[in-house]
Amino acid sequence: MKILKEQLPKDWLEQHKAEFLELAEKLTITNIRLKALELKWEGPFDAPADYLAFYESEAKRLGFTVDEIKSFFHQAAILKAKEQVFDQHYGELVPRSDDGKSLLSLKKLMELVHSAELSA
């Protein structure tokens, strides 16, 4: 892991900020629409107000605030977007066995990937 940390730019996520933000937005929308489909929610998703209606519906159903529901979808998308951007640009730095499996535990790899932050 030490070698990987030395080869990985400290600002790796910042270097791919636009790609990361676009992917996170797409994943958020996809996750919301999948959840709505699973719940057989009949509202449209044509405008921001439609998403707000879905958040409000979920908040009422689950007993959370609208902000908590929005945050849940957003944070899930951020985690997945970080993983995908890391894998696309730096996945080859991860030490692997002869059969291609990562020699790092999933926990260690996720700690490394998810420790990256964007500047304000």
PDB file of N, CA and C in Angstrom:
ATOM      1  N   MET A   1       0.831  -1.191   0.000  1.00  0.00           N
ATOM      2  CA  MET A   1       0.000   0.000   0.000  1.00  0.00           C
ATOM      3  C   MET A   1       0.872   1.251   0.000  1.00  0.00           C
ATOM      4  N   LYS A   2       2.036   1.178   0.621  1.00  0.00           N
ATOM      5  CA  LYS A   2       2.934   2.325   0.670  1.00  0.00           C
ATOM      6  C   LYS A   2       3.337   2.755  -0.747  1.00  0.00           C
ATOM      7  N   ILE A   3       3.660   1.784  -1.593  1.00  0.00           N
ATOM      8  CA  ILE A   3       4.060   2.099  -2.969  1.00  0.00           C
ATOM      9  C   ILE A   3       2.895   2.754  -3.709  1.00  0.00           C
ATOM     10  N   LEU A   4       1.697   2.227  -3.523  1.00  0.00           N
ATOM     11  CA  LEU A   4       0.517   2.799  -4.169  1.00  0.00           C
ATOM     12  C   LEU A   4       0.323   4.248  -3.728  1.00  0.00           C
ATOM     13  N   LYS A   5       0.433   4.513  -2.437  1.00  0.00           N
ATOM     14  CA  LYS A   5       0.278   5.876  -1.931  1.00  0.00           C
ATOM     15  C   LYS A   5       1.340   6.812  -2.505  1.00  0.00           C
ATOM     16  N   GLU A   6       2.551   6.294  -2.693  1.00  0.00           N
ATOM     17  CA  GLU A   6       3.627   7.120  -3.247  1.00  0.00           C
ATOM     18  C   GLU A   6       3.388   7.433  -4.724  1.00  0.00           C
ATOM     19  N   GLN A   7       2.788   6.518  -5.461  1.00  0.00           N
ATOM     20  CA  GLN A   7       2.542   6.706  -6.892  1.00  0.00           C
ATOM     21  C   GLN A   7       1.260   7.482  -7.175  1.00  0.00           C
ATOM     22  N   LEU A   8       0.337   7.443  -6.258  1.00  0.00           N
ATOM     23  CA  LEU A   8      -0.951   8.098  -6.442  1.00  0.00           C
ATOM     24  C   LEU A   8      -0.831   9.582  -6.107  1.00  0.00           C
ATOM     25  N   PRO A   9      -1.155  10.459  -7.049  1.00  0.00           N
ATOM     26  CA  PRO A   9      -1.093  11.893  -6.745  1.00  0.00           C
ATOM     27  C   PRO A   9      -2.032  12.231  -5.584  1.00  0.00           C
ATOM     28  N   LYS A  10      -1.576  13.080  -4.682  1.00  0.00           N
ATOM     29  CA  LYS A  10      -2.404  13.455  -3.526  1.00  0.00           C
ATOM     30  C   LYS A  10      -3.702  14.125  -3.982  1.00  0.00           C
ATOM     31  N   ASP A  11      -3.641  14.805  -5.104  1.00  0.00           N
ATOM     32  CA  ASP A  11      -4.818  15.509  -5.604  1.00  0.00           C
ATOM     33  C   ASP A  11      -5.494  14.761  -6.758  1.00  0.00           C
ATOM     34  N   TRP A  12      -5.443  13.432  -6.724  1.00  0.00           N
ATOM     35  CA  TRP A  12      -5.962  12.643  -7.838  1.00  0.00           C
ATOM     36  C   TRP A  12      -7.422  12.954  -8.138  1.00  0.00           C
ATOM     37  N   LEU A  13      -8.229  13.151  -7.107  1.00  0.00           N
ATOM     38  CA  LEU A  13      -9.637  13.427  -7.338  1.00  0.00           C
ATOM     39  C   LEU A  13      -9.819  14.831  -7.917  1.00  0.00           C
ATOM     40  N   GLU A  14      -9.045  15.770  -7.444  1.00  0.00           N
ATOM     41  CA  GLU A  14      -9.095  17.144  -7.953  1.00  0.00           C
ATOM     42  C   GLU A  14      -8.728  17.177  -9.441  1.00  0.00           C
ATOM     43  N   GLN A  15      -7.776  16.346  -9.829  1.00  0.00           N
ATOM     44  CA  GLN A  15      -7.364  16.290 -11.237  1.00  0.00           C
ATOM     45  C   GLN A  15      -8.494  15.819 -12.154  1.00  0.00           C
ATOM     46  N   HIS A  16      -9.459  15.124 -11.597  1.00  0.00           N
ATOM     47  CA  HIS A  16     -10.568  14.574 -12.378  1.00  0.00           C
ATOM     48  C   HIS A  16     -11.906  15.110 -11.863  1.00  0.00           C
ATOM     49  N   LYS A  17     -11.865  16.332 -11.353  1.00  0.00           N
ATOM     50  CA  LYS A  17     -13.030  16.936 -10.694  1.00  0.00           C
ATOM     51  C   LYS A  17     -14.262  16.988 -11.596  1.00  0.00           C
ATOM     52  N   ALA A  18     -14.118  17.497 -12.812  1.00  0.00           N
ATOM     53  CA  ALA A  18     -15.273  17.632 -13.702  1.00  0.00           C
ATOM     54  C   ALA A  18     -15.894  16.268 -13.993  1.00  0.00           C
ATOM     55  N   GLU A  19     -15.052  15.301 -14.279  1.00  0.00           N
ATOM     56  CA  GLU A  19     -15.533  13.937 -14.555  1.00  0.00           C
ATOM     57  C   GLU A  19     -16.248  13.363 -13.335  1.00  0.00           C
ATOM     58  N   PHE A  20     -15.642  13.547 -12.172  1.00  0.00           N
ATOM     59  CA  PHE A  20     -16.216  13.048 -10.920  1.00  0.00           C
ATOM     60  C   PHE A  20     -17.578  13.680 -10.639  1.00  0.00           C
ATOM     61  N   LEU A  21     -17.666  15.003 -10.758  1.00  0.00           N
ATOM     62  CA  LEU A  21     -18.926  15.695 -10.467  1.00  0.00           C
ATOM     63  C   LEU A  21     -20.031  15.292 -11.447  1.00  0.00           C
ATOM     64  N   GLU A  22     -19.682  15.164 -12.718  1.00  0.00           N
ATOM     65  CA  GLU A  22     -20.669  14.743 -13.717  1.00  0.00           C
ATOM     66  C   GLU A  22     -21.161  13.326 -13.424  1.00  0.00           C
ATOM     67  N   LEU A  23     -20.243  12.442 -13.101  1.00  0.00           N
ATOM     68  CA  LEU A  23     -20.608  11.063 -12.790  1.00  0.00           C
ATOM     69  C   LEU A  23     -21.458  10.996 -11.519  1.00  0.00           C
ATOM     70  N   ALA A  24     -21.089  11.747 -10.493  1.00  0.00           N
ATOM     71  CA  ALA A  24     -21.861  11.751  -9.250  1.00  0.00           C
ATOM     72  C   ALA A  24     -23.292  12.226  -9.496  1.00  0.00           C
ATOM     73  N   GLU A  25     -23.446  13.243 -10.336  1.00  0.00           N
ATOM     74  CA  GLU A  25     -24.788  13.741 -10.654  1.00  0.00           C
ATOM     75  C   GLU A  25     -25.600  12.668 -11.391  1.00  0.00           C
ATOM     76  N   LYS A  26     -24.975  12.019 -12.372  1.00  0.00           N
ATOM     77  CA  LYS A  26     -25.670  10.968 -13.126  1.00  0.00           C
ATOM     78  C   LYS A  26     -26.064   9.802 -12.215  1.00  0.00           C
ATOM     79  N   LEU A  27     -25.164   9.424 -11.315  1.00  0.00           N
ATOM     80  CA  LEU A  27     -25.460   8.329 -10.399  1.00  0.00           C
ATOM     81  C   LEU A  27     -26.571   8.696  -9.422  1.00  0.00           C
ATOM     82  N   THR A  28     -26.588   9.939  -8.970  1.00  0.00           N
ATOM     83  CA  THR A  28     -27.654  10.388  -8.076  1.00  0.00           C
ATOM     84  C   THR A  28     -29.002  10.259  -8.767  1.00  0.00           C
ATOM     85  N   ILE A  29     -29.086  10.773  -9.973  1.00  0.00           N
ATOM     86  CA  ILE A  29     -30.343  10.723 -10.735  1.00  0.00           C
ATOM     87  C   ILE A  29     -30.754   9.273 -10.996  1.00  0.00           C
ATOM     88  N   THR A  30     -29.793   8.456 -11.371  1.00  0.00           N
ATOM     89  CA  THR A  30     -30.086   7.040 -11.632  1.00  0.00           C
ATOM     90  C   THR A  30     -30.595   6.350 -10.378  1.00  0.00           C
ATOM     91  N   ASN A  31     -29.940   6.590  -9.244  1.00  0.00           N
ATOM     92  CA  ASN A  31     -30.364   5.955  -7.993  1.00  0.00           C
ATOM     93  C   ASN A  31     -31.771   6.383  -7.589  1.00  0.00           C
ATOM     94  N   ILE A  32     -32.068   7.661  -7.767  1.00  0.00           N
ATOM     95  CA  ILE A  32     -33.405   8.159  -7.428  1.00  0.00           C
ATOM     96  C   ILE A  32     -34.446   7.491  -8.321  1.00  0.00           C
ATOM     97  N   ARG A  33     -34.174   7.450  -9.601  1.00  0.00           N
ATOM     98  CA  ARG A  33     -35.142   6.858 -10.536  1.00  0.00           C
ATOM     99  C   ARG A  33     -35.319   5.362 -10.294  1.00  0.00           C
ATOM    100  N   LEU A  34     -34.242   4.666  -9.955  1.00  0.00           N
ATOM    101  CA  LEU A  34     -34.359   3.240  -9.650  1.00  0.00           C
ATOM    102  C   LEU A  34     -35.195   3.009  -8.396  1.00  0.00           C
ATOM    103  N   LYS A  35     -34.961   3.836  -7.386  1.00  0.00           N
ATOM    104  CA  LYS A  35     -35.745   3.707  -6.148  1.00  0.00           C
ATOM    105  C   LYS A  35     -37.213   4.013  -6.420  1.00  0.00           C
ATOM    106  N   ALA A  36     -37.471   5.042  -7.217  1.00  0.00           N
ATOM    107  CA  ALA A  36     -38.848   5.394  -7.555  1.00  0.00           C
ATOM    108  C   ALA A  36     -39.526   4.245  -8.311  1.00  0.00           C
ATOM    109  N   LEU A  37     -38.794   3.642  -9.212  1.00  0.00           N
ATOM    110  CA  LEU A  37     -39.323   2.504  -9.969  1.00  0.00           C
ATOM    111  C   LEU A  37     -39.628   1.328  -9.035  1.00  0.00           C
ATOM    112  N   GLU A  38     -38.703   1.064  -8.135  1.00  0.00           N
ATOM    113  CA  GLU A  38     -38.895  -0.022  -7.165  1.00  0.00           C
ATOM    114  C   GLU A  38     -40.147   0.214  -6.316  1.00  0.00           C
ATOM    115  N   LEU A  39     -40.378   1.475  -5.958  1.00  0.00           N
ATOM    116  CA  LEU A  39     -41.533   1.823  -5.116  1.00  0.00           C
ATOM    117  C   LEU A  39     -42.814   2.033  -5.930  1.00  0.00           C
ATOM    118  N   LYS A  40     -42.682   1.920  -7.253  1.00  0.00           N
ATOM    119  CA  LYS A  40     -43.811   2.170  -8.158  1.00  0.00           C
ATOM    120  C   LYS A  40     -44.358   3.587  -7.959  1.00  0.00           C
ATOM    121  N   TRP A  41     -43.431   4.504  -7.769  1.00  0.00           N
ATOM    122  CA  TRP A  41     -43.794   5.920  -7.606  1.00  0.00           C
ATOM    123  C   TRP A  41     -44.192   6.451  -8.964  1.00  0.00           C
ATOM    124  N   GLU A  42     -45.304   7.127  -9.037  1.00  0.00           N
ATOM    125  CA  GLU A  42     -45.860   7.506 -10.335  1.00  0.00           C
ATOM    126  C   GLU A  42     -45.565   8.931 -10.771  1.00  0.00           C
ATOM    127  N   GLY A  43     -44.852   9.671  -9.983  1.00  0.00           N
ATOM    128  CA  GLY A  43     -44.554  11.051 -10.365  1.00  0.00           C
ATOM    129  C   GLY A  43     -43.547  11.116 -11.506  1.00  0.00           C
ATOM    130  N   PRO A  44     -43.572  12.201 -12.260  1.00  0.00           N
ATOM    131  CA  PRO A  44     -42.588  12.387 -13.335  1.00  0.00           C
ATOM    132  C   PRO A  44     -41.253  12.875 -12.773  1.00  0.00           C
ATOM    133  N   PHE A  45     -40.251  12.877 -13.602  1.00  0.00           N
ATOM    134  CA  PHE A  45     -38.937  13.446 -13.250  1.00  0.00           C
ATOM    135  C   PHE A  45     -38.497  14.383 -14.366  1.00  0.00           C
ATOM    136  N   ASP A  46     -39.339  15.370 -14.644  1.00  0.00           N
ATOM    137  CA  ASP A  46     -39.062  16.309 -15.720  1.00  0.00           C
ATOM    138  C   ASP A  46     -38.447  17.624 -15.244  1.00  0.00           C
ATOM    139  N   ALA A  47     -38.625  17.951 -13.981  1.00  0.00           N
ATOM    140  CA  ALA A  47     -38.171  19.240 -13.453  1.00  0.00           C
ATOM    141  C   ALA A  47     -37.659  19.058 -12.026  1.00  0.00           C
ATOM    142  N   PRO A  48     -36.871  20.004 -11.532  1.00  0.00           N
ATOM    143  CA  PRO A  48     -36.387  19.913 -10.152  1.00  0.00           C
ATOM    144  C   PRO A  48     -37.507  19.723  -9.125  1.00  0.00           C
ATOM    145  N   ALA A  49     -38.649  20.323  -9.365  1.00  0.00           N
ATOM    146  CA  ALA A  49     -39.781  20.177  -8.440  1.00  0.00           C
ATOM    147  C   ALA A  49     -40.239  18.716  -8.349  1.00  0.00           C
ATOM    148  N   ASP A  50     -40.079  17.963  -9.429  1.00  0.00           N
ATOM    149  CA  ASP A  50     -40.460  16.552  -9.422  1.00  0.00           C
ATOM    150  C   ASP A  50     -39.568  15.754  -8.473  1.00  0.00           C
ATOM    151  N   TYR A  51     -38.278  16.080  -8.477  1.00  0.00           N
ATOM    152  CA  TYR A  51     -37.357  15.412  -7.552  1.00  0.00           C
ATOM    153  C   TYR A  51     -37.678  15.786  -6.120  1.00  0.00           C
ATOM    154  N   LEU A  52     -38.017  17.051  -5.902  1.00  0.00           N
ATOM    155  CA  LEU A  52     -38.398  17.498  -4.568  1.00  0.00           C
ATOM    156  C   LEU A  52     -39.628  16.743  -4.077  1.00  0.00           C
ATOM    157  N   ALA A  53     -40.587  16.534  -4.957  1.00  0.00           N
ATOM    158  CA  ALA A  53     -41.788  15.775  -4.587  1.00  0.00           C
ATOM    159  C   ALA A  53     -41.414  14.347  -4.176  1.00  0.00           C
ATOM    160  N   PHE A  54     -40.473  13.759  -4.894  1.00  0.00           N
ATOM    161  CA  PHE A  54     -40.029  12.410  -4.534  1.00  0.00           C
ATOM    162  C   PHE A  54     -39.325  12.425  -3.174  1.00  0.00           C
ATOM    163  N   TYR A  55     -38.432  13.398  -2.960  1.00  0.00           N
ATOM    164  CA  TYR A  55     -37.753  13.514  -1.663  1.00  0.00           C
ATOM    165  C   TYR A  55     -38.766  13.669  -0.533  1.00  0.00           C
ATOM    166  N   GLU A  56     -39.757  14.498  -0.749  1.00  0.00           N
ATOM    167  CA  GLU A  56     -40.778  14.720   0.280  1.00  0.00           C
ATOM    168  C   GLU A  56     -41.550  13.444   0.569  1.00  0.00           C
ATOM    169  N   SER A  57     -41.878  12.711  -0.492  1.00  0.00           N
ATOM    170  CA  SER A  57     -42.586  11.445  -0.339  1.00  0.00           C
ATOM    171  C   SER A  57     -41.745  10.444   0.460  1.00  0.00           C
ATOM    172  N   GLU A  58     -40.468  10.354   0.126  1.00  0.00           N
ATOM    173  CA  GLU A  58     -39.570   9.441   0.846  1.00  0.00           C
ATOM    174  C   GLU A  58     -39.366   9.877   2.292  1.00  0.00           C
ATOM    175  N   ALA A  59     -39.240  11.164   2.511  1.00  0.00           N
ATOM    176  CA  ALA A  59     -39.058  11.674   3.873  1.00  0.00           C
ATOM    177  C   ALA A  59     -40.262  11.298   4.737  1.00  0.00           C
ATOM    178  N   LYS A  60     -41.439  11.471   4.190  1.00  0.00           N
ATOM    179  CA  LYS A  60     -42.663  11.127   4.926  1.00  0.00           C
ATOM    180  C   LYS A  60     -42.738   9.621   5.169  1.00  0.00           C
ATOM    181  N   ARG A  61     -42.439   8.852   4.142  1.00  0.00           N
ATOM    182  CA  ARG A  61     -42.514   7.385   4.247  1.00  0.00           C
ATOM    183  C   ARG A  61     -41.528   6.826   5.266  1.00  0.00           C
ATOM    184  N   LEU A  62     -40.325   7.391   5.298  1.00  0.00           N
ATOM    185  CA  LEU A  62     -39.257   6.846   6.137  1.00  0.00           C
ATOM    186  C   LEU A  62     -39.068   7.569   7.467  1.00  0.00           C
ATOM    187  N   GLY A  63     -39.712   8.717   7.626  1.00  0.00           N
ATOM    188  CA  GLY A  63     -39.576   9.455   8.878  1.00  0.00           C
ATOM    189  C   GLY A  63     -38.285  10.241   8.982  1.00  0.00           C
ATOM    190  N   PHE A  64     -37.770  10.707   7.849  1.00  0.00           N
ATOM    191  CA  PHE A  64     -36.565  11.531   7.824  1.00  0.00           C
ATOM    192  C   PHE A  64     -36.917  12.899   7.257  1.00  0.00           C
ATOM    193  N   THR A  65     -35.965  13.807   7.308  1.00  0.00           N
ATOM    194  CA  THR A  65     -36.175  15.107   6.685  1.00  0.00           C
ATOM    195  C   THR A  65     -35.854  15.006   5.196  1.00  0.00           C
ATOM    196  N   VAL A  66     -36.330  15.973   4.448  1.00  0.00           N
ATOM    197  CA  VAL A  66     -36.024  16.027   3.018  1.00  0.00           C
ATOM    198  C   VAL A  66     -34.516  16.127   2.817  1.00  0.00           C
ATOM    199  N   ASP A  67     -33.850  16.953   3.626  1.00  0.00           N
ATOM    200  CA  ASP A  67     -32.396  17.094   3.500  1.00  0.00           C
ATOM    201  C   ASP A  67     -31.664  15.784   3.765  1.00  0.00           C
ATOM    202  N   GLU A  68     -32.149  14.996   4.703  1.00  0.00           N
ATOM    203  CA  GLU A  68     -31.518  13.698   4.978  1.00  0.00           C
ATOM    204  C   GLU A  68     -31.686  12.748   3.793  1.00  0.00           C
ATOM    205  N   ILE A  69     -32.862  12.768   3.172  1.00  0.00           N
ATOM    206  CA  ILE A  69     -33.095  11.915   2.005  1.00  0.00           C
ATOM    207  C   ILE A  69     -32.201  12.352   0.845  1.00  0.00           C
ATOM    208  N   LYS A  70     -32.132  13.650   0.588  1.00  0.00           N
ATOM    209  CA  LYS A  70     -31.264  14.166  -0.479  1.00  0.00           C
ATOM    210  C   LYS A  70     -29.814  13.773  -0.215  1.00  0.00           C
ATOM    211  N   SER A  71     -29.396  13.933   1.025  1.00  0.00           N
ATOM    212  CA  SER A  71     -28.015  13.620   1.403  1.00  0.00           C
ATOM    213  C   SER A  71     -27.709  12.139   1.193  1.00  0.00           C
ATOM    214  N   PHE A  72     -28.635  11.285   1.537  1.00  0.00           N
ATOM    215  CA  PHE A  72     -28.421   9.851   1.361  1.00  0.00           C
ATOM    216  C   PHE A  72     -28.136   9.529  -0.104  1.00  0.00           C
ATOM    217  N   PHE A  73     -28.990  10.005  -0.999  1.00  0.00           N
ATOM    218  CA  PHE A  73     -28.792   9.726  -2.426  1.00  0.00           C
ATOM    219  C   PHE A  73     -27.491  10.340  -2.931  1.00  0.00           C
ATOM    220  N   HIS A  74     -27.204  11.553  -2.488  1.00  0.00           N
ATOM    221  CA  HIS A  74     -25.991  12.252  -2.929  1.00  0.00           C
ATOM    222  C   HIS A  74     -24.732  11.538  -2.433  1.00  0.00           C
ATOM    223  N   GLN A  75     -24.695  11.163  -1.164  1.00  0.00           N
ATOM    224  CA  GLN A  75     -23.514  10.508  -0.597  1.00  0.00           C
ATOM    225  C   GLN A  75     -23.272   9.141  -1.223  1.00  0.00           C
ATOM    226  N   ALA A  76     -24.329   8.396  -1.489  1.00  0.00           N
ATOM    227  CA  ALA A  76     -24.166   7.090  -2.144  1.00  0.00           C
ATOM    228  C   ALA A  76     -23.547   7.269  -3.525  1.00  0.00           C
ATOM    229  N   ALA A  77     -23.991   8.282  -4.247  1.00  0.00           N
ATOM    230  CA  ALA A  77     -23.453   8.545  -5.585  1.00  0.00           C
ATOM    231  C   ALA A  77     -22.004   9.006  -5.514  1.00  0.00           C
ATOM    232  N   ILE A  78     -21.666   9.818  -4.542  1.00  0.00           N
ATOM    233  CA  ILE A  78     -20.289  10.296  -4.384  1.00  0.00           C
ATOM    234  C   ILE A  78     -19.339   9.129  -4.138  1.00  0.00           C
ATOM    235  N   LEU A  79     -19.728   8.221  -3.272  1.00  0.00           N
ATOM    236  CA  LEU A  79     -18.873   7.060  -2.990  1.00  0.00           C
ATOM    237  C   LEU A  79     -18.628   6.236  -4.259  1.00  0.00           C
ATOM    238  N   LYS A  80     -19.672   5.963  -4.996  1.00  0.00           N
ATOM    239  CA  LYS A  80     -19.538   5.149  -6.213  1.00  0.00           C
ATOM    240  C   LYS A  80     -18.749   5.901  -7.282  1.00  0.00           C
ATOM    241  N   ALA A  81     -18.979   7.200  -7.414  1.00  0.00           N
ATOM    242  CA  ALA A  81     -18.249   7.992  -8.412  1.00  0.00           C
ATOM    243  C   ALA A  81     -16.756   8.011  -8.103  1.00  0.00           C
ATOM    244  N   LYS A  82     -16.381   8.154  -6.821  1.00  0.00           N
ATOM    245  CA  LYS A  82     -14.957   8.117  -6.449  1.00  0.00           C
ATOM    246  C   LYS A  82     -14.340   6.788  -6.859  1.00  0.00           C
ATOM    247  N   GLU A  83     -15.048   5.701  -6.563  1.00  0.00           N
ATOM    248  CA  GLU A  83     -14.529   4.376  -6.893  1.00  0.00           C
ATOM    249  C   GLU A  83     -14.328   4.227  -8.402  1.00  0.00           C
ATOM    250  N   GLN A  84     -15.300   4.682  -9.177  1.00  0.00           N
ATOM    251  CA  GLN A  84     -15.211   4.521 -10.623  1.00  0.00           C
ATOM    252  C   GLN A  84     -14.110   5.383 -11.234  1.00  0.00           C
ATOM    253  N   VAL A  85     -13.988   6.620 -10.782  1.00  0.00           N
ATOM    254  CA  VAL A  85     -12.944   7.505 -11.314  1.00  0.00           C
ATOM    255  C   VAL A  85     -11.569   6.969 -10.916  1.00  0.00           C
ATOM    256  N   PHE A  86     -11.425   6.528  -9.673  1.00  0.00           N
ATOM    257  CA  PHE A  86     -10.150   5.950  -9.237  1.00  0.00           C
ATOM    258  C   PHE A  86      -9.799   4.740 -10.092  1.00  0.00           C
ATOM    259  N   ASP A  87     -10.747   3.833 -10.244  1.00  0.00           N
ATOM    260  CA  ASP A  87     -10.475   2.604 -10.997  1.00  0.00           C
ATOM    261  C   ASP A  87     -10.109   2.907 -12.447  1.00  0.00           C
ATOM    262  N   GLN A  88     -10.791   3.854 -13.046  1.00  0.00           N
ATOM    263  CA  GLN A  88     -10.530   4.187 -14.444  1.00  0.00           C
ATOM    264  C   GLN A  88      -9.132   4.775 -14.641  1.00  0.00           C
ATOM    265  N   HIS A  89      -8.712   5.641 -13.733  1.00  0.00           N
ATOM    266  CA  HIS A  89      -7.452   6.359 -13.931  1.00  0.00           C
ATOM    267  C   HIS A  89      -6.258   5.781 -13.168  1.00  0.00           C
ATOM    268  N   TYR A  90      -6.515   5.083 -12.068  1.00  0.00           N
ATOM    269  CA  TYR A  90      -5.409   4.616 -11.225  1.00  0.00           C
ATOM    270  C   TYR A  90      -5.511   3.142 -10.839  1.00  0.00           C
ATOM    271  N   GLY A  91      -6.489   2.450 -11.386  1.00  0.00           N
ATOM    272  CA  GLY A  91      -6.675   1.044 -11.046  1.00  0.00           C
ATOM    273  C   GLY A  91      -5.455   0.186 -11.328  1.00  0.00           C
ATOM    274  N   GLU A  92      -4.673   0.585 -12.347  1.00  0.00           N
ATOM    275  CA  GLU A  92      -3.476  -0.204 -12.685  1.00  0.00           C
ATOM    276  C   GLU A  92      -2.385  -0.094 -11.622  1.00  0.00           C
ATOM    277  N   LEU A  93      -2.508   0.869 -10.714  1.00  0.00           N
ATOM    278  CA  LEU A  93      -1.512   1.012  -9.640  1.00  0.00           C
ATOM    279  C   LEU A  93      -1.746   0.023  -8.490  1.00  0.00           C
ATOM    280  N   VAL A  94      -2.918  -0.558  -8.443  1.00  0.00           N
ATOM    281  CA  VAL A  94      -3.250  -1.488  -7.367  1.00  0.00           C
ATOM    282  C   VAL A  94      -2.499  -2.793  -7.605  1.00  0.00           C
ATOM    283  N   PRO A  95      -1.699  -3.218  -6.624  1.00  0.00           N
ATOM    284  CA  PRO A  95      -0.972  -4.480  -6.800  1.00  0.00           C
ATOM    285  C   PRO A  95      -1.945  -5.654  -6.927  1.00  0.00           C
ATOM    286  N   ARG A  96      -1.651  -6.538  -7.871  1.00  0.00           N
ATOM    287  CA  ARG A  96      -2.554  -7.653  -8.151  1.00  0.00           C
ATOM    288  C   ARG A  96      -1.792  -8.973  -8.201  1.00  0.00           C
ATOM    289  N   SER A  97      -2.504 -10.036  -7.929  1.00  0.00           N
ATOM    290  CA  SER A  97      -1.932 -11.381  -8.029  1.00  0.00           C
ATOM    291  C   SER A  97      -1.872 -11.768  -9.502  1.00  0.00           C
ATOM    292  N   ASP A  98      -1.299 -12.919  -9.778  1.00  0.00           N
ATOM    293  CA  ASP A  98      -1.185 -13.397 -11.156  1.00  0.00           C
ATOM    294  C   ASP A  98      -2.546 -13.562 -11.834  1.00  0.00           C
ATOM    295  N   ASP A  99      -3.576 -13.848 -11.021  1.00  0.00           N
ATOM    296  CA  ASP A  99      -4.909 -14.013 -11.618  1.00  0.00           C
ATOM    297  C   ASP A  99      -5.706 -12.714 -11.650  1.00  0.00           C
ATOM    298  N   GLY A 100      -5.050 -11.576 -11.343  1.00  0.00           N
ATOM    299  CA  GLY A 100      -5.671 -10.265 -11.481  1.00  0.00           C
ATOM    300  C   GLY A 100      -6.425  -9.750 -10.279  1.00  0.00           C
ATOM    301  N   LYS A 101      -6.424 -10.503  -9.189  1.00  0.00           N
ATOM    302  CA  LYS A 101      -7.143 -10.067  -7.985  1.00  0.00           C
ATOM    303  C   LYS A 101      -6.281  -9.100  -7.190  1.00  0.00           C
ATOM    304  N   SER A 102      -6.939  -8.107  -6.607  1.00  0.00           N
ATOM    305  CA  SER A 102      -6.229  -7.109  -5.808  1.00  0.00           C
ATOM    306  C   SER A 102      -5.544  -7.771  -4.612  1.00  0.00           C
ATOM    307  N   LEU A 103      -4.306  -7.350  -4.359  1.00  0.00           N
ATOM    308  CA  LEU A 103      -3.588  -7.845  -3.193  1.00  0.00           C
ATOM    309  C   LEU A 103      -3.895  -6.995  -1.964  1.00  0.00           C
ATOM    310  N   LEU A 104      -4.602  -5.894  -2.155  1.00  0.00           N
ATOM    311  CA  LEU A 104      -5.045  -5.066  -1.034  1.00  0.00           C
ATOM    312  C   LEU A 104      -6.419  -5.526  -0.595  1.00  0.00           C
ATOM    313  N   SER A 105      -6.663  -5.470   0.687  1.00  0.00           N
ATOM    314  CA  SER A 105      -8.001  -5.799   1.152  1.00  0.00           C
ATOM    315  C   SER A 105      -8.956  -4.726   0.643  1.00  0.00           C
ATOM    316  N   LEU A 106     -10.192  -5.094   0.479  1.00  0.00           N
ATOM    317  CA  LEU A 106     -11.199  -4.138   0.034  1.00  0.00           C
ATOM    318  C   LEU A 106     -11.269  -2.964   1.006  1.00  0.00           C
ATOM    319  N   LYS A 107     -11.137  -3.246   2.287  1.00  0.00           N
ATOM    320  CA  LYS A 107     -11.185  -2.186   3.306  1.00  0.00           C
ATOM    321  C   LYS A 107     -10.063  -1.176   3.088  1.00  0.00           C
ATOM    322  N   LYS A 108      -8.851  -1.640   2.876  1.00  0.00           N
ATOM    323  CA  LYS A 108      -7.706  -0.742   2.673  1.00  0.00           C
ATOM    324  C   LYS A 108      -7.867   0.069   1.390  1.00  0.00           C
ATOM    325  N   LEU A 109      -8.309  -0.585   0.352  1.00  0.00           N
ATOM    326  CA  LEU A 109      -8.487   0.099  -0.922  1.00  0.00           C
ATOM    327  C   LEU A 109      -9.566   1.180  -0.799  1.00  0.00           C
ATOM    328  N   MET A 110     -10.671   0.870  -0.142  1.00  0.00           N
ATOM    329  CA  MET A 110     -11.758   1.842   0.019  1.00  0.00           C
ATOM    330  C   MET A 110     -11.330   2.997   0.926  1.00  0.00           C
ATOM    331  N   GLU A 111     -10.529   2.723   1.942  1.00  0.00           N
ATOM    332  CA  GLU A 111     -10.011   3.801   2.790  1.00  0.00           C
ATOM    333  C   GLU A 111      -9.188   4.775   1.956  1.00  0.00           C
ATOM    334  N   LEU A 112      -8.369   4.252   1.084  1.00  0.00           N
ATOM    335  CA  LEU A 112      -7.534   5.081   0.223  1.00  0.00           C
ATOM    336  C   LEU A 112      -8.396   5.905  -0.741  1.00  0.00           C
ATOM    337  N   VAL A 113      -9.317   5.253  -1.408  1.00  0.00           N
ATOM    338  CA  VAL A 113     -10.155   5.926  -2.402  1.00  0.00           C
ATOM    339  C   VAL A 113     -11.039   6.985  -1.749  1.00  0.00           C
ATOM    340  N   HIS A 114     -11.672   6.636  -0.655  1.00  0.00           N
ATOM    341  CA  HIS A 114     -12.655   7.536  -0.055  1.00  0.00           C
ATOM    342  C   HIS A 114     -12.032   8.615   0.834  1.00  0.00           C
ATOM    343  N   SER A 115     -10.739   8.563   1.038  1.00  0.00           N
ATOM    344  CA  SER A 115     -10.082   9.639   1.794  1.00  0.00           C
ATOM    345  C   SER A 115      -9.852  10.876   0.922  1.00  0.00           C
ATOM    346  N   ALA A 116      -9.989  10.731  -0.373  1.00  0.00           N
ATOM    347  CA  ALA A 116      -9.788  11.864  -1.291  1.00  0.00           C
ATOM    348  C   ALA A 116     -10.941  12.847  -1.184  1.00  0.00           C
ATOM    349  N   GLU A 117     -10.600  14.120  -1.177  1.00  0.00           N
ATOM    350  CA  GLU A 117     -11.601  15.186  -1.089  1.00  0.00           C
ATOM    351  C   GLU A 117     -11.325  16.225  -2.157  1.00  0.00           C
ATOM    352  N   LEU A 118     -12.368  16.938  -2.537  1.00  0.00           N
ATOM    353  CA  LEU A 118     -12.215  18.059  -3.465  1.00  0.00           C
ATOM    354  C   LEU A 118     -11.996  19.323  -2.658  1.00  0.00           C
ATOM    355  N   SER A 119     -11.256  20.262  -3.241  1.00  0.00           N
ATOM    356  CA  SER A 119     -11.090  21.559  -2.574  1.00  0.00           C
ATOM    357  C   SER A 119     -12.383  22.348  -2.739  1.00  0.00           C
ATOM    358  N   ALA A 120     -12.566  23.267  -1.855  1.00  0.00           N
ATOM    359  CA  ALA A 120     -13.816  24.075  -1.874  1.00  0.00           C
ATOM    360  C   ALA A 120     -13.901  24.990  -3.055  1.00  0.00           C
TER     361      ALA A 120
END
